[in-house]
């Protein structure tokens, strides 16, 4: 009972502090000087809770806490708005008195507390740290996908991801459904008159994620189509089944950076969070945020 009371008090404090964080994210850290390192640690568990399943291994949660903390401080420095922060507020308001949520939330609090102040740095500076729930069996090369500025994100083997029950998922659409979904975001889209290969993959990266794809009268980036159609990833194949078109997706998310599923498996195999981080980001260093903040 005492532990639940402590957790409830912590959650209430987080709810009070999160609006300050959102202000800082929108306007930049200087616009809200009350935002300090200790306060970031207070509301970070709520953000981590939105990003990784609560029942993953403790070391995976700790690795995610470092990734999330790094991204949060990077956003604070840049004054970028994080939708996940706003979503965290809504989730806390909805679940703060739920016993199951309180028990799960404790896992996130411990992960944050046991990695307090630790961030990932590229040559001594904070930087964006990508992650995904589940890769296609190998993570994507950051330089290949996003250019030289992401050269610190290598492609690594994540064969464990193939064992996940969520690894493969098929999506089936009629041509009318595809047209309706795409016209919502791309008003100029038209299915076209040709019945030959209405959907054609033009280019993939070295890990088979779709970079460019022709659909009807337009070309899309793989991630654009994934978002428009609600696919689990852009690592997919396309098959025309006659009445419907099938997209068979591998993995969940954009496929770059730390695969949370592989991180979970590594934790279960006895790897610690530093080993997990080093596996996915061998060129980055874990540093105390107090030594790097304000240097970006």
C-alpha atoms as a PDB file:
ATOM      1  CA  UNK A   1       0.000   0.000   0.000  1.00  0.00           C
ATOM      2  CA  UNK A   2       2.837   2.391   0.912  1.00  0.00           C
ATOM      3  CA  UNK A   3       4.529   1.694  -2.428  1.00  0.00           C
ATOM      4  CA  UNK A   4       1.293   2.486  -4.274  1.00  0.00           C
ATOM      5  CA  UNK A   5       0.931   5.763  -2.382  1.00  0.00           C
ATOM      6  CA  UNK A   6       4.499   6.715  -3.328  1.00  0.00           C
ATOM      7  CA  UNK A   7       3.818   5.891  -6.956  1.00  0.00           C
ATOM      8  CA  UNK A   8       0.586   7.898  -6.978  1.00  0.00           C
ATOM      9  CA  UNK A   9       2.409  10.900  -5.500  1.00  0.00           C
ATOM     10  CA  UNK A  10       5.145  10.523  -8.135  1.00  0.00           C
ATOM     11  CA  UNK A  11       2.567  10.393 -10.916  1.00  0.00           C
ATOM     12  CA  UNK A  12       0.789  13.484  -9.614  1.00  0.00           C
ATOM     13  CA  UNK A  13       4.099  15.356  -9.518  1.00  0.00           C
ATOM     14  CA  UNK A  14       4.807  14.269 -13.077  1.00  0.00           C
ATOM     15  CA  UNK A  15       1.413  15.585 -14.185  1.00  0.00           C
ATOM     16  CA  UNK A  16       2.289  18.947 -12.650  1.00  0.00           C
ATOM     17  CA  UNK A  17       5.726  19.057 -14.271  1.00  0.00           C
ATOM     18  CA  UNK A  18       4.914  17.822 -17.775  1.00  0.00           C
ATOM     19  CA  UNK A  19       3.226  21.061 -18.916  1.00  0.00           C
ATOM     20  CA  UNK A  20       6.497  22.858 -18.114  1.00  0.00           C
ATOM     21  CA  UNK A  21       8.355  20.353 -20.241  1.00  0.00           C
ATOM     22  CA  UNK A  22       5.989  20.874 -23.160  1.00  0.00           C
ATOM     23  CA  UNK A  23       6.512  24.646 -22.890  1.00  0.00           C
ATOM     24  CA  UNK A  24      10.269  24.121 -23.017  1.00  0.00           C
ATOM     25  CA  UNK A  25      10.005  21.760 -25.964  1.00  0.00           C
ATOM     26  CA  UNK A  26       7.941  24.259 -27.932  1.00  0.00           C
ATOM     27  CA  UNK A  27       9.888  27.424 -27.097  1.00  0.00           C
ATOM     28  CA  UNK A  28      13.333  26.132 -26.261  1.00  0.00           C
ATOM     29  CA  UNK A  29      14.926  25.451 -22.914  1.00  0.00           C
ATOM     30  CA  UNK A  30      15.763  29.099 -22.234  1.00  0.00           C
ATOM     31  CA  UNK A  31      12.060  30.037 -22.381  1.00  0.00           C
ATOM     32  CA  UNK A  32      11.380  27.884 -19.338  1.00  0.00           C
ATOM     33  CA  UNK A  33      14.489  28.007 -17.095  1.00  0.00           C
ATOM     34  CA  UNK A  34      12.720  26.066 -14.333  1.00  0.00           C
ATOM     35  CA  UNK A  35      13.341  22.914 -16.384  1.00  0.00           C
ATOM     36  CA  UNK A  36      16.335  21.315 -14.677  1.00  0.00           C
ATOM     37  CA  UNK A  37      18.083  17.961 -14.841  1.00  0.00           C
ATOM     38  CA  UNK A  38      16.402  16.655 -11.694  1.00  0.00           C
ATOM     39  CA  UNK A  39      12.950  17.472 -13.103  1.00  0.00           C
ATOM     40  CA  UNK A  40      13.697  15.718 -16.379  1.00  0.00           C
ATOM     41  CA  UNK A  41      14.455  12.605 -14.348  1.00  0.00           C
ATOM     42  CA  UNK A  42      11.076  12.959 -12.616  1.00  0.00           C
ATOM     43  CA  UNK A  43       8.953  12.877 -15.737  1.00  0.00           C
ATOM     44  CA  UNK A  44      11.175  10.703 -17.927  1.00  0.00           C
ATOM     45  CA  UNK A  45       9.515   7.453 -16.704  1.00  0.00           C
ATOM     46  CA  UNK A  46       6.216   8.620 -18.217  1.00  0.00           C
ATOM     47  CA  UNK A  47       7.888   9.087 -21.589  1.00  0.00           C
ATOM     48  CA  UNK A  48       9.733   5.754 -21.464  1.00  0.00           C
ATOM     49  CA  UNK A  49       6.387   4.119 -20.631  1.00  0.00           C
ATOM     50  CA  UNK A  50       5.040   5.292 -23.987  1.00  0.00           C
ATOM     51  CA  UNK A  51       8.015   3.888 -25.888  1.00  0.00           C
ATOM     52  CA  UNK A  52       8.685   0.300 -24.763  1.00  0.00           C
ATOM     53  CA  UNK A  53       6.603  -2.564 -23.291  1.00  0.00           C
ATOM     54  CA  UNK A  54       6.722  -2.717 -19.493  1.00  0.00           C
ATOM     55  CA  UNK A  55       7.471  -6.469 -19.411  1.00  0.00           C
ATOM     56  CA  UNK A  56      10.683  -6.291 -21.442  1.00  0.00           C
ATOM     57  CA  UNK A  57      13.892  -7.191 -19.598  1.00  0.00           C
ATOM     58  CA  UNK A  58      15.157  -4.658 -17.082  1.00  0.00           C
ATOM     59  CA  UNK A  59      18.370  -4.073 -19.035  1.00  0.00           C
ATOM     60  CA  UNK A  60      16.361  -3.328 -22.188  1.00  0.00           C
ATOM     61  CA  UNK A  61      14.262  -0.822 -20.224  1.00  0.00           C
ATOM     62  CA  UNK A  62      17.447   0.809 -18.941  1.00  0.00           C
ATOM     63  CA  UNK A  63      18.869   1.012 -22.468  1.00  0.00           C
ATOM     64  CA  UNK A  64      15.617   2.616 -23.624  1.00  0.00           C
ATOM     65  CA  UNK A  65      15.747   5.053 -20.700  1.00  0.00           C
ATOM     66  CA  UNK A  66      19.141   6.269 -21.941  1.00  0.00           C
ATOM     67  CA  UNK A  67      17.866   6.547 -25.520  1.00  0.00           C
ATOM     68  CA  UNK A  68      14.737   8.416 -24.386  1.00  0.00           C
ATOM     69  CA  UNK A  69      16.704  10.725 -22.093  1.00  0.00           C
ATOM     70  CA  UNK A  70      19.142  11.508 -24.905  1.00  0.00           C
ATOM     71  CA  UNK A  71      16.322  12.344 -27.306  1.00  0.00           C
ATOM     72  CA  UNK A  72      14.479  14.406 -24.710  1.00  0.00           C
ATOM     73  CA  UNK A  73      17.506  16.580 -23.958  1.00  0.00           C
ATOM     74  CA  UNK A  74      18.196  16.927 -27.686  1.00  0.00           C
ATOM     75  CA  UNK A  75      14.610  18.145 -28.169  1.00  0.00           C
ATOM     76  CA  UNK A  76      14.953  20.545 -25.252  1.00  0.00           C
ATOM     77  CA  UNK A  77      18.107  21.982 -26.775  1.00  0.00           C
ATOM     78  CA  UNK A  78      16.474  22.356 -30.193  1.00  0.00           C
ATOM     79  CA  UNK A  79      13.032  23.474 -28.994  1.00  0.00           C
ATOM     80  CA  UNK A  80      11.348  20.648 -30.928  1.00  0.00           C
ATOM     81  CA  UNK A  81       7.832  19.486 -30.024  1.00  0.00           C
ATOM     82  CA  UNK A  82       7.494  15.836 -29.038  1.00  0.00           C
ATOM     83  CA  UNK A  83       4.109  14.232 -29.613  1.00  0.00           C
ATOM     84  CA  UNK A  84       5.109  11.455 -27.228  1.00  0.00           C
ATOM     85  CA  UNK A  85       5.358  13.944 -24.356  1.00  0.00           C
ATOM     86  CA  UNK A  86       1.811  15.146 -24.943  1.00  0.00           C
ATOM     87  CA  UNK A  87       0.622  11.560 -25.265  1.00  0.00           C
ATOM     88  CA  UNK A  88       2.322  10.757 -21.962  1.00  0.00           C
ATOM     89  CA  UNK A  89       0.252  13.457 -20.244  1.00  0.00           C
ATOM     90  CA  UNK A  90      -2.988  11.970 -21.574  1.00  0.00           C
ATOM     91  CA  UNK A  91      -2.022   8.435 -20.581  1.00  0.00           C
ATOM     92  CA  UNK A  92      -1.061   9.454 -17.053  1.00  0.00           C
ATOM     93  CA  UNK A  93      -4.330  11.308 -16.530  1.00  0.00           C
ATOM     94  CA  UNK A  94      -6.252   8.268 -17.704  1.00  0.00           C
ATOM     95  CA  UNK A  95      -4.350   5.584 -15.785  1.00  0.00           C
ATOM     96  CA  UNK A  96      -2.821   7.208 -12.692  1.00  0.00           C
ATOM     97  CA  UNK A  97      -5.070   5.352 -10.219  1.00  0.00           C
ATOM     98  CA  UNK A  98      -5.041   2.005 -12.021  1.00  0.00           C
ATOM     99  CA  UNK A  99      -3.296  -0.690  -9.924  1.00  0.00           C
ATOM    100  CA  UNK A 100      -1.887  -2.532 -12.955  1.00  0.00           C
ATOM    101  CA  UNK A 101      -0.528   0.711 -14.362  1.00  0.00           C
ATOM    102  CA  UNK A 102       1.103   1.582 -11.034  1.00  0.00           C
ATOM    103  CA  UNK A 103       2.848  -1.792 -10.892  1.00  0.00           C
ATOM    104  CA  UNK A 104       4.095  -1.468 -14.453  1.00  0.00           C
ATOM    105  CA  UNK A 105       5.107   2.160 -14.001  1.00  0.00           C
ATOM    106  CA  UNK A 106       7.485   1.137 -11.221  1.00  0.00           C
ATOM    107  CA  UNK A 107       9.542  -0.792 -13.798  1.00  0.00           C
ATOM    108  CA  UNK A 108      10.043   2.411 -15.765  1.00  0.00           C
ATOM    109  CA  UNK A 109      10.904   4.420 -12.666  1.00  0.00           C
ATOM    110  CA  UNK A 110      13.592   1.928 -11.692  1.00  0.00           C
ATOM    111  CA  UNK A 111      15.066   1.934 -15.211  1.00  0.00           C
ATOM    112  CA  UNK A 112      15.321   5.721 -15.125  1.00  0.00           C
ATOM    113  CA  UNK A 113      16.701   5.863 -11.585  1.00  0.00           C
ATOM    114  CA  UNK A 114      19.372   3.238 -12.280  1.00  0.00           C
ATOM    115  CA  UNK A 115      20.634   5.157 -15.334  1.00  0.00           C
ATOM    116  CA  UNK A 116      20.184   8.643 -13.862  1.00  0.00           C
ATOM    117  CA  UNK A 117      21.704  11.400 -15.976  1.00  0.00           C
ATOM    118  CA  UNK A 118      23.200   9.065 -18.586  1.00  0.00           C
ATOM    119  CA  UNK A 119      22.908  10.141 -22.228  1.00  0.00           C
ATOM    120  CA  UNK A 120      24.402   9.036 -25.530  1.00  0.00           C
ATOM    121  CA  UNK A 121      26.764  11.448 -27.244  1.00  0.00           C
ATOM    122  CA  UNK A 122      28.355  11.670 -30.666  1.00  0.00           C
ATOM    123  CA  UNK A 123      31.806  13.244 -30.288  1.00  0.00           C
ATOM    124  CA  UNK A 124      30.760  14.817 -27.008  1.00  0.00           C
ATOM    125  CA  UNK A 125      27.450  16.236 -28.246  1.00  0.00           C
ATOM    126  CA  UNK A 126      23.828  15.208 -27.804  1.00  0.00           C
ATOM    127  CA  UNK A 127      22.247  13.741 -30.918  1.00  0.00           C
ATOM    128  CA  UNK A 128      19.091  12.051 -32.162  1.00  0.00           C
ATOM    129  CA  UNK A 129      19.036   8.357 -31.201  1.00  0.00           C
ATOM    130  CA  UNK A 130      16.674   6.262 -33.350  1.00  0.00           C
ATOM    131  CA  UNK A 131      15.009   3.067 -32.159  1.00  0.00           C
ATOM    132  CA  UNK A 132      12.292   0.726 -33.375  1.00  0.00           C
ATOM    133  CA  UNK A 133      10.128  -1.981 -31.855  1.00  0.00           C
ATOM    134  CA  UNK A 134      11.167  -4.737 -34.251  1.00  0.00           C
ATOM    135  CA  UNK A 135      13.468  -4.801 -37.276  1.00  0.00           C
ATOM    136  CA  UNK A 136      13.283  -6.853 -40.444  1.00  0.00           C
ATOM    137  CA  UNK A 137      16.134  -9.090 -39.249  1.00  0.00           C
ATOM    138  CA  UNK A 138      18.855  -6.478 -39.616  1.00  0.00           C
ATOM    139  CA  UNK A 139      18.728  -2.812 -38.640  1.00  0.00           C
ATOM    140  CA  UNK A 140      19.092  -0.156 -41.314  1.00  0.00           C
ATOM    141  CA  UNK A 141      22.261   1.796 -42.011  1.00  0.00           C
ATOM    142  CA  UNK A 142      21.716   5.399 -40.920  1.00  0.00           C
ATOM    143  CA  UNK A 143      24.113   6.869 -43.470  1.00  0.00           C
ATOM    144  CA  UNK A 144      22.481   4.958 -46.317  1.00  0.00           C
ATOM    145  CA  UNK A 145      18.971   6.074 -45.332  1.00  0.00           C
ATOM    146  CA  UNK A 146      19.459   9.592 -43.944  1.00  0.00           C
ATOM    147  CA  UNK A 147      22.932  10.660 -45.057  1.00  0.00           C
ATOM    148  CA  UNK A 148      26.283  11.403 -43.430  1.00  0.00           C
ATOM    149  CA  UNK A 149      24.758  13.054 -40.364  1.00  0.00           C
ATOM    150  CA  UNK A 150      23.507   9.610 -39.262  1.00  0.00           C
ATOM    151  CA  UNK A 151      26.734   7.708 -39.930  1.00  0.00           C
ATOM    152  CA  UNK A 152      26.825   6.828 -36.206  1.00  0.00           C
ATOM    153  CA  UNK A 153      23.844   4.476 -36.725  1.00  0.00           C
ATOM    154  CA  UNK A 154      25.233   1.252 -38.239  1.00  0.00           C
ATOM    155  CA  UNK A 155      23.388  -1.728 -39.623  1.00  0.00           C
ATOM    156  CA  UNK A 156      23.656  -4.634 -37.169  1.00  0.00           C
ATOM    157  CA  UNK A 157      22.329  -8.176 -37.138  1.00  0.00           C
ATOM    158  CA  UNK A 158      19.037  -8.581 -35.279  1.00  0.00           C
ATOM    159  CA  UNK A 159      18.223 -12.169 -36.160  1.00  0.00           C
ATOM    160  CA  UNK A 160      16.315 -12.583 -32.897  1.00  0.00           C
ATOM    161  CA  UNK A 161      13.618 -10.310 -34.292  1.00  0.00           C
ATOM    162  CA  UNK A 162      12.587 -12.998 -36.754  1.00  0.00           C
ATOM    163  CA  UNK A 163      11.454 -15.146 -33.811  1.00  0.00           C
ATOM    164  CA  UNK A 164       8.897 -12.580 -32.651  1.00  0.00           C
ATOM    165  CA  UNK A 165       5.254 -13.480 -33.227  1.00  0.00           C
ATOM    166  CA  UNK A 166       4.822  -9.926 -34.525  1.00  0.00           C
ATOM    167  CA  UNK A 167       7.597 -10.200 -37.110  1.00  0.00           C
ATOM    168  CA  UNK A 168       5.336 -10.777 -40.125  1.00  0.00           C
ATOM    169  CA  UNK A 169       2.007  -9.110 -40.803  1.00  0.00           C
ATOM    170  CA  UNK A 170      -0.065  -8.965 -43.963  1.00  0.00           C
ATOM    171  CA  UNK A 171      -2.228  -6.017 -45.000  1.00  0.00           C
ATOM    172  CA  UNK A 172      -4.875  -6.430 -47.694  1.00  0.00           C
ATOM    173  CA  UNK A 173      -6.460  -3.548 -49.603  1.00  0.00           C
ATOM    174  CA  UNK A 174      -8.745  -3.150 -52.575  1.00  0.00           C
ATOM    175  CA  UNK A 175      -7.675  -0.542 -55.109  1.00  0.00           C
ATOM    176  CA  UNK A 176     -10.561   1.636 -53.896  1.00  0.00           C
ATOM    177  CA  UNK A 177      -9.324   1.454 -50.305  1.00  0.00           C
ATOM    178  CA  UNK A 178      -5.799   2.421 -51.318  1.00  0.00           C
ATOM    179  CA  UNK A 179      -7.107   5.318 -53.397  1.00  0.00           C
ATOM    180  CA  UNK A 180      -9.275   6.572 -50.533  1.00  0.00           C
ATOM    181  CA  UNK A 181      -6.411   6.440 -48.022  1.00  0.00           C
ATOM    182  CA  UNK A 182      -3.878   8.108 -50.310  1.00  0.00           C
ATOM    183  CA  UNK A 183      -6.230  10.849 -51.504  1.00  0.00           C
ATOM    184  CA  UNK A 184      -6.758  11.860 -47.883  1.00  0.00           C
ATOM    185  CA  UNK A 185      -3.086  12.857 -47.601  1.00  0.00           C
ATOM    186  CA  UNK A 186      -2.245  13.366 -51.271  1.00  0.00           C
ATOM    187  CA  UNK A 187      -5.202  15.041 -53.055  1.00  0.00           C
ATOM    188  CA  UNK A 188      -3.532  14.754 -56.472  1.00  0.00           C
ATOM    189  CA  UNK A 189      -3.354  10.962 -56.283  1.00  0.00           C
ATOM    190  CA  UNK A 190      -5.167   8.925 -58.937  1.00  0.00           C
ATOM    191  CA  UNK A 191      -5.145   5.172 -59.380  1.00  0.00           C
ATOM    192  CA  UNK A 192      -4.669   5.417 -63.155  1.00  0.00           C
ATOM    193  CA  UNK A 193      -6.044   3.386 -66.034  1.00  0.00           C
ATOM    194  CA  UNK A 194      -3.267   0.829 -66.464  1.00  0.00           C
ATOM    195  CA  UNK A 195      -3.960  -2.491 -64.780  1.00  0.00           C
ATOM    196  CA  UNK A 196      -0.344  -3.659 -65.057  1.00  0.00           C
ATOM    197  CA  UNK A 197       1.571  -3.477 -61.790  1.00  0.00           C
ATOM    198  CA  UNK A 198      -0.559  -0.782 -60.120  1.00  0.00           C
ATOM    199  CA  UNK A 199       1.919  -0.902 -57.230  1.00  0.00           C
ATOM    200  CA  UNK A 200       5.603  -1.262 -58.099  1.00  0.00           C
ATOM    201  CA  UNK A 201       8.614  -1.125 -55.789  1.00  0.00           C
ATOM    202  CA  UNK A 202      11.292   1.014 -57.442  1.00  0.00           C
ATOM    203  CA  UNK A 203      14.132   1.022 -54.918  1.00  0.00           C
ATOM    204  CA  UNK A 204      15.040  -0.682 -51.643  1.00  0.00           C
ATOM    205  CA  UNK A 205      17.968  -0.234 -49.276  1.00  0.00           C
ATOM    206  CA  UNK A 206      20.515  -2.902 -48.365  1.00  0.00           C
ATOM    207  CA  UNK A 207      18.176  -4.370 -45.725  1.00  0.00           C
ATOM    208  CA  UNK A 208      15.165  -4.574 -48.084  1.00  0.00           C
ATOM    209  CA  UNK A 209      13.258  -1.591 -46.704  1.00  0.00           C
ATOM    210  CA  UNK A 210      11.400   0.203 -49.483  1.00  0.00           C
ATOM    211  CA  UNK A 211      12.892   3.593 -50.348  1.00  0.00           C
ATOM    212  CA  UNK A 212      10.790   4.427 -53.412  1.00  0.00           C
ATOM    213  CA  UNK A 213       7.537   2.931 -54.689  1.00  0.00           C
ATOM    214  CA  UNK A 214       5.179   3.760 -57.545  1.00  0.00           C
ATOM    215  CA  UNK A 215       1.474   3.668 -56.717  1.00  0.00           C
ATOM    216  CA  UNK A 216      -0.960   4.850 -59.362  1.00  0.00           C
ATOM    217  CA  UNK A 217       0.199   8.184 -60.753  1.00  0.00           C
ATOM    218  CA  UNK A 218       2.637   9.025 -57.951  1.00  0.00           C
ATOM    219  CA  UNK A 219       5.927   7.932 -56.450  1.00  0.00           C
ATOM    220  CA  UNK A 220       6.187   7.697 -52.668  1.00  0.00           C
ATOM    221  CA  UNK A 221       8.952   7.140 -50.178  1.00  0.00           C
ATOM    222  CA  UNK A 222       8.534   3.847 -48.367  1.00  0.00           C
ATOM    223  CA  UNK A 223       7.934   5.578 -45.032  1.00  0.00           C
ATOM    224  CA  UNK A 224       5.330   7.871 -46.610  1.00  0.00           C
ATOM    225  CA  UNK A 225       3.330   4.913 -47.892  1.00  0.00           C
ATOM    226  CA  UNK A 226       3.730   3.071 -44.617  1.00  0.00           C
ATOM    227  CA  UNK A 227       2.240   6.040 -42.775  1.00  0.00           C
ATOM    228  CA  UNK A 228      -0.586   6.613 -45.267  1.00  0.00           C
ATOM    229  CA  UNK A 229      -1.709   2.971 -45.329  1.00  0.00           C
ATOM    230  CA  UNK A 230      -1.028   2.219 -41.661  1.00  0.00           C
ATOM    231  CA  UNK A 231       1.552  -0.493 -42.391  1.00  0.00           C
ATOM    232  CA  UNK A 232       3.756  -1.804 -39.597  1.00  0.00           C
ATOM    233  CA  UNK A 233       6.962  -1.118 -41.524  1.00  0.00           C
ATOM    234  CA  UNK A 234       8.360  -0.161 -44.913  1.00  0.00           C
ATOM    235  CA  UNK A 235      10.159  -3.504 -45.148  1.00  0.00           C
ATOM    236  CA  UNK A 236       7.503  -5.117 -47.309  1.00  0.00           C
ATOM    237  CA  UNK A 237       6.759  -7.013 -50.484  1.00  0.00           C
ATOM    238  CA  UNK A 238       3.720  -6.359 -52.672  1.00  0.00           C
ATOM    239  CA  UNK A 239       1.545  -8.967 -54.357  1.00  0.00           C
ATOM    240  CA  UNK A 240      -1.484  -8.372 -56.588  1.00  0.00           C
ATOM    241  CA  UNK A 241      -4.039 -11.026 -55.632  1.00  0.00           C
ATOM    242  CA  UNK A 242      -6.665  -9.889 -58.102  1.00  0.00           C
ATOM    243  CA  UNK A 243      -9.427  -8.439 -55.966  1.00  0.00           C
ATOM    244  CA  UNK A 244      -6.957  -7.205 -53.367  1.00  0.00           C
ATOM    245  CA  UNK A 245      -3.337  -6.126 -53.082  1.00  0.00           C
ATOM    246  CA  UNK A 246      -1.263  -7.593 -50.265  1.00  0.00           C
ATOM    247  CA  UNK A 247       1.536  -5.824 -48.427  1.00  0.00           C
ATOM    248  CA  UNK A 248       3.545  -8.352 -46.393  1.00  0.00           C
ATOM    249  CA  UNK A 249       5.501  -6.407 -43.772  1.00  0.00           C
ATOM    250  CA  UNK A 250       8.512  -7.457 -41.729  1.00  0.00           C
ATOM    251  CA  UNK A 251       9.142  -5.824 -38.361  1.00  0.00           C
ATOM    252  CA  UNK A 252       7.529  -2.854 -36.632  1.00  0.00           C
ATOM    253  CA  UNK A 253       8.765   0.708 -37.091  1.00  0.00           C
ATOM    254  CA  UNK A 254      11.336   2.374 -39.321  1.00  0.00           C
ATOM    255  CA  UNK A 255      13.998  -0.271 -38.644  1.00  0.00           C
ATOM    256  CA  UNK A 256      16.826   2.076 -37.621  1.00  0.00           C
ATOM    257  CA  UNK A 257      18.882   2.164 -34.438  1.00  0.00           C
ATOM    258  CA  UNK A 258      18.100   0.021 -31.421  1.00  0.00           C
ATOM    259  CA  UNK A 259      15.664  -2.820 -31.976  1.00  0.00           C
ATOM    260  CA  UNK A 260      13.763  -3.066 -28.711  1.00  0.00           C
ATOM    261  CA  UNK A 261      12.945  -6.733 -29.272  1.00  0.00           C
ATOM    262  CA  UNK A 262      16.597  -7.689 -29.760  1.00  0.00           C
ATOM    263  CA  UNK A 263      17.531  -5.496 -26.779  1.00  0.00           C
ATOM    264  CA  UNK A 264      14.998  -7.450 -24.716  1.00  0.00           C
ATOM    265  CA  UNK A 265      16.465 -10.770 -25.859  1.00  0.00           C
ATOM    266  CA  UNK A 266      19.999  -9.578 -25.100  1.00  0.00           C
ATOM    267  CA  UNK A 267      18.876  -8.602 -21.599  1.00  0.00           C
ATOM    268  CA  UNK A 268      17.345 -12.032 -21.073  1.00  0.00           C
ATOM    269  CA  UNK A 269      20.627 -13.599 -22.207  1.00  0.00           C
ATOM    270  CA  UNK A 270      22.527 -11.734 -19.485  1.00  0.00           C
ATOM    271  CA  UNK A 271      23.789  -8.679 -21.360  1.00  0.00           C
ATOM    272  CA  UNK A 272      23.707  -5.415 -19.407  1.00  0.00           C
ATOM    273  CA  UNK A 273      22.356  -2.131 -20.722  1.00  0.00           C
ATOM    274  CA  UNK A 274      25.803  -0.789 -21.610  1.00  0.00           C
ATOM    275  CA  UNK A 275      26.513  -3.862 -23.729  1.00  0.00           C
ATOM    276  CA  UNK A 276      23.141  -3.431 -25.447  1.00  0.00           C
ATOM    277  CA  UNK A 277      23.828   0.231 -26.185  1.00  0.00           C
ATOM    278  CA  UNK A 278      27.344  -0.524 -27.460  1.00  0.00           C
ATOM    279  CA  UNK A 279      26.033  -3.244 -29.777  1.00  0.00           C
ATOM    280  CA  UNK A 280      23.666  -0.883 -31.558  1.00  0.00           C
ATOM    281  CA  UNK A 281      25.738   2.308 -31.308  1.00  0.00           C
ATOM    282  CA  UNK A 282      29.443   1.323 -31.141  1.00  0.00           C
ATOM    283  CA  UNK A 283      30.654   4.825 -32.066  1.00  0.00           C
ATOM    284  CA  UNK A 284      28.659   6.648 -29.378  1.00  0.00           C
ATOM    285  CA  UNK A 285      29.624   7.215 -25.750  1.00  0.00           C
ATOM    286  CA  UNK A 286      27.532   7.186 -22.595  1.00  0.00           C
ATOM    287  CA  UNK A 287      28.165  10.427 -20.692  1.00  0.00           C
ATOM    288  CA  UNK A 288      26.705  12.354 -17.782  1.00  0.00           C
ATOM    289  CA  UNK A 289      24.273  14.910 -19.158  1.00  0.00           C
ATOM    290  CA  UNK A 290      25.685  17.589 -16.835  1.00  0.00           C
ATOM    291  CA  UNK A 291      28.963  17.483 -18.755  1.00  0.00           C
ATOM    292  CA  UNK A 292      27.386  17.953 -22.192  1.00  0.00           C
ATOM    293  CA  UNK A 293      24.198  20.014 -21.839  1.00  0.00           C
ATOM    294  CA  UNK A 294      24.424  23.419 -23.462  1.00  0.00           C
ATOM    295  CA  UNK A 295      27.304  22.359 -25.727  1.00  0.00           C
ATOM    296  CA  UNK A 296      25.144  21.495 -28.756  1.00  0.00           C
END
